[in-house]
């Protein structure tokens, strides 16, 4: 399915190699880098939905009055934002789930409680619960012993994209920084100013964005899971998998996902995304855009960011190890084993973090190499969703 490509995002040879590999696999995409120095307008290059991920520097974005966002479940938004009252039907769902919480099964308790944690008052619900619904979808059903509670949880999938918004009451410039995400499309542009650099990707066949234009990490909740399932993670989801219903096949609403996550070696699983998607749809490709942990005051003293690659899943004795630094840029094609160690990274996936499309291989590594290749001893029993031979067929 191709080879891993790695270098610095600002190295021209590396960037062009990754751009060619990505666009050959997905001809409807355009990958670019953007430097902002002063004031300018971010706009699509070819009339599509264009996403910008800041990886260096700081600046400001002009946000008009009336702008709506699902941010605010991390740090509170500034006072000029007002939460929108929830629809009465969604309020009834939340009350049913709250009342039925004792009947929710243990495996579903964490995502369900995280959803309820965004319910601030009877009429106010703040934030995007797509990540929690992704985790809930991975728990075997029924999620609750009470049928009404189970039905209410399933109904969340039909309503979550229309709730959790705050509206801005007055226009102003607002700070943006490394790790933040900006989106423009054929109908809206963004005014920005400052000194910062972005990785940018445009989908030529999506003229209108389906999500808010600005997602700032400081206003997003930490959501334990993936490569950082600890109780106190840095794992924030500017753009994650959107599902219309639990168990749906093929691809979701999004065409790209962004997870900004601190990956400590203790909780990082060796894994791959198969070259034949478990539930159909497109193959899952990953890009690592390494960020500076100092930007968010993360304590990584004494730790060296690394990436381990298993290029041949039929020969796990063969592996490659790379040291990473802020600005490192990595292309990981489908069917490639990998594990990040002590790295603070924006993990970009195309078309996204597909449900049930991850296979954990730490036990395979230990058993098939006699422990000679690196593996995570604490994750030997990580759950897999398919037989590895089926995925390699």
Protein backbone atom coordinates (compact mmCIF):
# COMPACT_ATOMS: atom_id res chain seq x y z
CA UNK A 1 0.00 0.00 0.00
CA UNK A 2 3.03 2.31 -0.11
CA UNK A 3 5.85 3.21 2.22
CA UNK A 4 6.11 5.41 5.29
CA UNK A 5 7.44 8.88 4.47
CA UNK A 6 8.99 11.00 7.20
CA UNK A 7 10.82 14.31 7.49
CA UNK A 8 10.09 17.89 8.45
CA UNK A 9 6.94 19.65 7.28
CA UNK A 10 9.06 22.58 6.06
CA UNK A 11 11.53 20.40 4.16
CA UNK A 12 10.52 20.78 0.53
CA UNK A 13 11.52 17.26 -0.56
CA UNK A 14 9.65 15.60 2.32
CA UNK A 15 6.56 17.72 1.84
CA UNK A 16 6.39 17.11 -1.90
CA UNK A 17 6.82 13.35 -1.46
CA UNK A 18 3.96 13.20 1.05
CA UNK A 19 1.80 15.48 -1.09
CA UNK A 20 2.29 13.29 -4.16
CA UNK A 21 1.57 10.09 -2.21
CA UNK A 22 -1.59 11.53 -0.67
CA UNK A 23 -2.97 13.08 -3.84
CA UNK A 24 -2.22 9.94 -5.87
CA UNK A 25 -4.33 7.97 -3.41
CA UNK A 26 -7.02 10.68 -3.16
CA UNK A 27 -7.05 12.85 -6.31
CA UNK A 28 -9.78 15.11 -4.91
CA UNK A 29 -7.42 16.50 -2.24
CA UNK A 30 -4.87 19.29 -2.37
CA UNK A 31 -2.18 19.47 0.31
CA UNK A 32 -0.28 22.72 0.94
CA UNK A 33 1.55 24.80 3.53
CA UNK A 34 0.58 28.37 4.41
CA UNK A 35 2.70 31.03 6.15
CA UNK A 36 0.91 34.01 7.68
CA UNK A 37 2.95 37.12 8.43
CA UNK A 38 0.73 40.11 9.09
CA UNK A 39 -2.95 40.27 8.14
CA UNK A 40 -4.52 38.21 5.37
CA UNK A 41 -7.62 36.28 4.33
CA UNK A 42 -7.74 32.49 4.31
CA UNK A 43 -9.78 31.16 1.40
CA UNK A 44 -10.14 28.00 -0.70
CA UNK A 45 -7.71 27.66 -3.58
CA UNK A 46 -10.11 25.74 -5.82
CA UNK A 47 -13.59 26.32 -4.36
CA UNK A 48 -13.63 23.42 -1.90
CA UNK A 49 -13.71 22.93 1.85
CA UNK A 50 -10.24 23.81 3.08
CA UNK A 51 -8.85 22.98 6.54
CA UNK A 52 -5.84 24.69 8.15
CA UNK A 53 -3.94 23.19 11.11
CA UNK A 54 -1.58 25.60 12.85
CA UNK A 55 1.70 23.90 13.75
CA UNK A 56 3.91 26.89 14.61
CA UNK A 57 3.35 30.41 15.90
CA UNK A 58 0.40 32.45 17.11
CA UNK A 59 -2.09 34.97 15.78
CA UNK A 60 -5.70 36.05 15.79
CA UNK A 61 -8.83 35.25 13.81
CA UNK A 62 -11.73 37.66 13.29
CA UNK A 63 -14.99 36.05 14.40
CA UNK A 64 -18.21 37.89 13.50
CA UNK A 65 -21.33 38.37 15.56
CA UNK A 66 -23.74 35.46 15.17
CA UNK A 67 -20.98 32.87 14.73
CA UNK A 68 -21.98 29.44 16.16
CA UNK A 69 -19.58 26.89 17.62
CA UNK A 70 -19.63 23.62 19.59
CA UNK A 71 -16.54 24.68 21.54
CA UNK A 72 -16.77 25.41 25.26
CA UNK A 73 -16.71 21.99 26.91
CA UNK A 74 -13.04 22.56 27.81
CA UNK A 75 -12.27 26.03 29.12
CA UNK A 76 -15.36 28.26 28.99
CA UNK A 77 -15.70 30.45 25.92
CA UNK A 78 -15.32 34.24 26.38
CA UNK A 79 -18.35 36.04 27.89
CA UNK A 80 -19.50 37.38 24.50
CA UNK A 81 -20.58 33.82 23.65
CA UNK A 82 -24.02 32.72 24.82
CA UNK A 83 -25.11 29.04 25.00
CA UNK A 84 -28.11 28.22 22.85
CA UNK A 85 -31.06 26.61 24.67
CA UNK A 86 -31.45 22.95 23.77
CA UNK A 87 -34.56 21.69 21.94
CA UNK A 88 -37.16 20.20 24.24
CA UNK A 89 -36.84 16.79 22.54
CA UNK A 90 -33.11 16.67 23.33
CA UNK A 91 -33.79 17.73 26.90
CA UNK A 92 -36.19 14.80 27.28
CA UNK A 93 -33.47 12.43 26.03
CA UNK A 94 -30.99 13.76 28.56
CA UNK A 95 -33.50 13.37 31.41
CA UNK A 96 -34.23 9.78 30.38
CA UNK A 97 -30.51 8.99 30.28
CA UNK A 98 -29.86 10.71 33.62
CA UNK A 99 -32.71 8.84 35.29
CA UNK A 100 -31.59 5.56 33.74
CA UNK A 101 -27.88 5.99 34.51
CA UNK A 102 -27.91 3.23 37.19
CA UNK A 103 -29.01 0.77 34.47
CA UNK A 104 -26.15 1.71 32.07
CA UNK A 105 -23.71 -1.15 31.78
CA UNK A 106 -20.15 -0.68 33.10
CA UNK A 107 -18.52 -0.56 29.66
CA UNK A 108 -20.75 2.33 28.61
CA UNK A 109 -20.57 4.34 31.83
CA UNK A 110 -17.55 6.50 30.92
CA UNK A 111 -18.82 7.88 27.58
CA UNK A 112 -22.37 8.27 28.94
CA UNK A 113 -21.20 10.21 31.99
CA UNK A 114 -18.98 12.39 29.76
CA UNK A 115 -22.04 13.21 27.64
CA UNK A 116 -24.10 14.14 30.70
CA UNK A 117 -21.18 16.24 31.97
CA UNK A 118 -21.85 18.71 29.14
CA UNK A 119 -25.41 19.27 30.40
CA UNK A 120 -24.88 22.44 32.41
CA UNK A 121 -28.44 23.43 33.31
CA UNK A 122 -31.91 22.25 32.36
CA UNK A 123 -31.71 24.23 29.11
CA UNK A 124 -27.96 24.42 28.44
CA UNK A 125 -25.80 21.72 26.83
CA UNK A 126 -22.34 22.71 25.59
CA UNK A 127 -19.91 20.92 23.29
CA UNK A 128 -19.50 18.22 20.66
CA UNK A 129 -20.14 14.62 21.80
CA UNK A 130 -19.09 12.90 18.56
CA UNK A 131 -16.03 11.42 20.29
CA UNK A 132 -18.11 9.99 23.13
CA UNK A 133 -20.60 8.47 20.68
CA UNK A 134 -17.67 6.91 18.79
CA UNK A 135 -16.57 5.24 22.05
CA UNK A 136 -20.13 4.23 22.95
CA UNK A 137 -20.53 2.61 19.53
CA UNK A 138 -17.59 0.32 20.36
CA UNK A 139 -19.34 -1.03 23.46
CA UNK A 140 -21.46 -4.14 22.79
CA UNK A 141 -25.19 -3.49 22.95
CA UNK A 142 -27.38 -3.21 24.87
CA UNK A 143 -25.71 -0.25 26.55
CA UNK A 144 -28.37 -0.14 29.27
CA UNK A 145 -30.55 -2.74 30.91
CA UNK A 146 -33.53 -0.39 30.80
CA UNK A 147 -35.12 -0.32 27.30
CA UNK A 148 -36.07 3.36 27.53
CA UNK A 149 -32.52 4.36 28.44
CA UNK A 150 -31.14 2.21 25.65
CA UNK A 151 -33.47 3.83 23.13
CA UNK A 152 -32.55 7.32 24.36
CA UNK A 153 -28.83 6.60 23.96
CA UNK A 154 -29.39 5.38 20.40
CA UNK A 155 -31.42 8.51 19.61
CA UNK A 156 -28.43 10.70 20.53
CA UNK A 157 -26.82 9.70 17.22
CA UNK A 158 -29.65 11.40 15.33
CA UNK A 159 -29.51 14.67 17.29
CA UNK A 160 -25.96 15.39 18.49
CA UNK A 161 -24.83 17.43 15.49
CA UNK A 162 -27.52 20.07 16.05
CA UNK A 163 -26.94 20.72 19.78
CA UNK A 164 -24.19 21.99 22.06
CA UNK A 165 -23.74 25.34 20.30
CA UNK A 166 -22.86 28.76 21.63
CA UNK A 167 -23.47 31.94 19.62
CA UNK A 168 -21.21 34.97 19.57
CA UNK A 169 -22.96 38.22 20.46
CA UNK A 170 -20.37 40.72 19.20
CA UNK A 171 -17.62 40.63 16.56
CA UNK A 172 -13.97 40.69 17.61
CA UNK A 173 -10.49 39.31 17.03
CA UNK A 174 -9.67 36.19 19.08
CA UNK A 175 -6.33 34.42 19.74
CA UNK A 176 -5.30 31.29 17.84
CA UNK A 177 -2.20 29.19 18.31
CA UNK A 178 -0.39 25.96 17.53
CA UNK A 179 -2.80 23.00 17.47
CA UNK A 180 -5.85 25.05 16.52
CA UNK A 181 -7.94 24.32 13.41
CA UNK A 182 -9.49 26.75 10.91
CA UNK A 183 -11.90 25.95 8.06
CA UNK A 184 -13.03 27.92 5.02
CA UNK A 185 -15.17 26.99 2.03
CA UNK A 186 -16.74 28.42 -1.13
CA UNK A 187 -19.18 30.49 0.94
CA UNK A 188 -17.02 31.82 3.76
CA UNK A 189 -13.45 32.97 4.32
CA UNK A 190 -11.54 33.92 7.47
CA UNK A 191 -9.57 37.04 8.28
CA UNK A 192 -6.44 36.29 10.29
CA UNK A 193 -3.38 38.17 11.47
CA UNK A 194 -0.14 37.32 13.25
CA UNK A 195 2.85 35.13 12.54
CA UNK A 196 2.05 31.45 12.19
CA UNK A 197 2.38 28.47 9.86
CA UNK A 198 -0.30 25.96 8.83
CA UNK A 199 -0.62 22.64 7.10
CA UNK A 200 -3.63 22.90 4.77
CA UNK A 201 -5.81 20.37 2.98
CA UNK A 202 -8.64 21.13 0.55
CA UNK A 203 -11.37 18.75 -0.62
CA UNK A 204 -12.23 19.85 -4.15
CA UNK A 205 -15.61 18.09 -4.20
CA UNK A 206 -16.91 19.56 -0.91
CA UNK A 207 -17.85 23.20 -1.61
CA UNK A 208 -19.48 23.74 1.81
CA UNK A 209 -18.15 22.88 5.25
CA UNK A 210 -20.37 20.88 7.59
CA UNK A 211 -18.61 22.05 10.79
CA UNK A 212 -17.75 25.32 12.52
CA UNK A 213 -14.92 27.40 11.07
CA UNK A 214 -12.76 27.62 14.22
CA UNK A 215 -11.82 24.91 16.73
CA UNK A 216 -9.36 25.94 19.46
CA UNK A 217 -7.81 23.31 21.68
CA UNK A 218 -8.19 25.32 24.88
CA UNK A 219 -11.98 25.32 24.50
CA UNK A 220 -12.23 21.55 23.81
CA UNK A 221 -12.65 18.83 26.41
CA UNK A 222 -10.05 16.15 27.00
CA UNK A 223 -11.51 12.81 25.92
CA UNK A 224 -9.64 9.77 27.17
CA UNK A 225 -9.21 7.04 24.57
CA UNK A 226 -7.09 5.83 21.68
CA UNK A 227 -3.37 6.28 22.38
CA UNK A 228 -4.07 8.08 25.67
CA UNK A 229 -6.80 6.28 27.66
CA UNK A 230 -5.49 7.56 31.00
CA UNK A 231 -7.75 9.34 33.50
CA UNK A 232 -6.01 12.69 32.91
CA UNK A 233 -5.11 12.80 29.21
CA UNK A 234 -4.34 15.54 26.75
CA UNK A 235 -6.49 14.29 23.88
CA UNK A 236 -8.64 16.89 22.15
CA UNK A 237 -10.68 16.40 19.03
CA UNK A 238 -10.97 19.40 16.69
CA UNK A 239 -12.66 17.14 14.14
CA UNK A 240 -13.63 13.53 14.78
CA UNK A 241 -15.77 10.83 13.20
CA UNK A 242 -19.43 11.76 12.72
CA UNK A 243 -21.92 8.89 12.62
CA UNK A 244 -25.58 9.07 11.68
CA UNK A 245 -26.43 5.85 13.53
CA UNK A 246 -24.60 3.22 15.58
CA UNK A 247 -23.22 0.35 13.55
CA UNK A 248 -23.36 2.08 10.17
CA UNK A 249 -20.98 0.84 7.48
CA UNK A 250 -18.81 2.61 4.89
CA UNK A 251 -17.61 6.15 5.62
CA UNK A 252 -19.01 8.77 7.97
CA UNK A 253 -19.83 12.39 7.32
CA UNK A 254 -16.26 13.70 7.61
CA UNK A 255 -13.50 13.29 5.06
CA UNK A 256 -10.68 14.03 7.50
CA UNK A 257 -10.25 13.81 11.27
CA UNK A 258 -7.94 15.68 13.63
CA UNK A 259 -6.93 14.42 17.09
CA UNK A 260 -4.34 16.44 19.02
CA UNK A 261 -2.96 14.04 21.59
CA UNK A 262 -0.05 13.59 23.95
CA UNK A 263 0.98 9.95 23.48
CA UNK A 264 2.94 8.60 26.47
CA UNK A 265 4.79 5.33 25.89
CA UNK A 266 2.98 3.68 28.82
CA UNK A 267 -0.45 3.81 27.13
CA UNK A 268 0.48 3.70 23.45
CA UNK A 269 -0.56 0.53 21.57
CA UNK A 270 1.20 -0.94 18.56
CA UNK A 271 -1.51 -1.15 15.90
CA UNK A 272 -2.43 -0.87 12.24
CA UNK A 273 -5.38 0.13 10.12
CA UNK A 274 -6.07 -2.62 7.60
CA UNK A 275 -5.69 -2.28 3.86
CA UNK A 276 -9.20 -3.74 3.59
CA UNK A 277 -11.52 -1.61 5.76
CA UNK A 278 -13.49 -3.67 8.25
CA UNK A 279 -16.84 -2.05 7.40
CA UNK A 280 -16.14 -0.96 3.87
CA UNK A 281 -15.56 2.52 2.55
CA UNK A 282 -12.18 4.12 1.95
CA UNK A 283 -8.83 3.01 3.29
CA UNK A 284 -7.58 4.80 6.40
CA UNK A 285 -4.38 6.82 5.94
CA UNK A 286 -2.71 8.70 8.79
CA UNK A 287 -0.52 11.80 8.90
CA UNK A 288 1.49 12.78 11.98
CA UNK A 289 2.14 16.51 12.40
CA UNK A 290 4.31 16.80 15.52
CA UNK A 291 3.71 19.81 17.80
CA UNK A 292 5.71 21.44 20.57
CA UNK A 293 4.50 20.16 23.99
CA UNK A 294 5.80 23.36 25.56
CA UNK A 295 3.02 25.28 23.83
CA UNK A 296 0.56 23.66 26.26
CA UNK A 297 2.96 23.37 29.22
CA UNK A 298 3.11 19.60 29.01
CA UNK A 299 5.82 18.08 31.17
CA UNK A 300 7.84 15.83 28.86
CA UNK A 301 11.18 16.29 30.62
CA UNK A 302 13.54 13.39 29.99
CA UNK A 303 11.38 11.89 27.26
CA UNK A 304 12.34 11.63 23.59
CA UNK A 305 9.53 11.58 21.00
CA UNK A 306 9.78 8.48 18.83
CA UNK A 307 7.84 6.57 16.19
CA UNK A 308 8.14 2.82 15.68
CA UNK A 309 7.07 1.44 12.30
CA UNK A 310 6.37 -2.18 11.30
CA UNK A 311 6.41 -1.95 7.49
CA UNK A 312 5.69 -5.67 6.93
CA UNK A 313 2.96 -7.10 9.11
CA UNK A 314 3.92 -10.63 8.07
CA UNK A 315 7.39 -10.10 9.49
CA UNK A 316 7.12 -8.24 12.79
CA UNK A 317 10.82 -8.84 13.48
CA UNK A 318 11.41 -6.07 10.94
CA UNK A 319 10.87 -2.63 12.39
CA UNK A 320 12.11 0.93 12.02
CA UNK A 321 12.50 3.54 14.73
CA UNK A 322 12.58 7.29 14.17
CA UNK A 323 13.21 10.20 16.50
CA UNK A 324 10.66 13.00 16.14
CA UNK A 325 10.69 16.72 16.88
CA UNK A 326 8.25 19.62 16.55
CA UNK A 327 7.54 19.99 12.84
CA UNK A 328 8.12 16.33 12.00
CA UNK A 329 5.68 15.23 9.30
CA UNK A 330 4.87 11.56 8.71
CA UNK A 331 2.78 9.73 6.12
CA UNK A 332 1.55 6.29 7.32
CA UNK A 333 -0.24 4.29 4.61
CA UNK A 334 -2.93 1.69 5.36
CA UNK A 335 -1.69 -1.71 6.49
CA UNK A 336 1.38 -0.33 8.27
CA UNK A 337 2.05 -1.12 11.93
CA UNK A 338 2.98 1.87 14.05
CA UNK A 339 3.32 3.15 17.60
CA UNK A 340 4.05 6.69 18.80
CA UNK A 341 6.12 7.12 21.96
CA UNK A 342 6.17 10.25 24.13
CA UNK A 343 5.06 12.46 21.26
CA UNK A 344 2.68 15.42 21.20
CA UNK A 345 1.06 15.23 17.81
CA UNK A 346 -1.84 16.26 15.64
CA UNK A 347 -2.93 12.92 14.16
CA UNK A 348 -4.74 13.54 10.88
CA UNK A 349 -6.62 10.63 9.33
CA UNK A 350 -8.32 10.23 5.99
CA UNK A 351 -11.23 9.70 5.81
CA UNK A 352 -11.09 9.50 9.59
CA UNK A 353 -10.82 7.22 12.62
CA UNK A 354 -13.11 4.60 11.16
CA UNK A 355 -14.97 2.59 13.81
CA UNK A 356 -13.63 -0.93 14.40
CA UNK A 357 -10.84 -0.34 11.87
CA UNK A 358 -7.89 -0.74 14.25
CA UNK A 359 -5.98 -3.92 15.01
CA UNK A 360 -3.69 -4.10 18.05
CA UNK A 361 -0.51 -6.14 17.61
CA UNK A 362 1.51 -5.98 20.85
CA UNK A 363 0.72 -9.62 21.65
CA UNK A 364 1.54 -10.63 18.07
CA UNK A 365 4.86 -8.79 18.30
CA UNK A 366 5.84 -10.53 21.53
CA UNK A 367 4.78 -13.99 20.42
CA UNK A 368 6.04 -13.89 16.83
CA UNK A 369 9.40 -12.24 17.56
CA UNK A 370 10.14 -13.76 20.94
CA UNK A 371 10.08 -10.27 22.38
CA UNK A 372 12.93 -9.09 20.15
CA UNK A 373 10.87 -6.30 18.56
CA UNK A 374 9.57 -3.48 20.81
CA UNK A 375 6.05 -3.88 22.17
CA UNK A 376 3.92 -2.55 25.03
CA UNK A 377 3.88 -5.12 27.82
CA UNK A 378 0.84 -3.50 29.46
CA UNK A 379 -1.38 -3.78 26.37
CA UNK A 380 -1.06 -7.45 25.47
CA UNK A 381 -4.79 -7.94 25.99
CA UNK A 382 -5.97 -4.91 24.00
CA UNK A 383 -9.17 -5.82 22.17
CA UNK A 384 -9.05 -6.57 18.45
CA UNK A 385 -12.06 -6.57 16.19
CA UNK A 386 -11.04 -9.01 13.49
CA UNK A 387 -8.72 -11.94 12.85
CA UNK A 388 -5.33 -10.66 11.70
CA UNK A 389 -5.04 -13.18 8.87
CA UNK A 390 -8.38 -12.02 7.47
CA UNK A 391 -7.16 -8.43 7.53
CA UNK A 392 -3.92 -9.33 5.76
CA UNK A 393 -5.60 -11.44 3.08
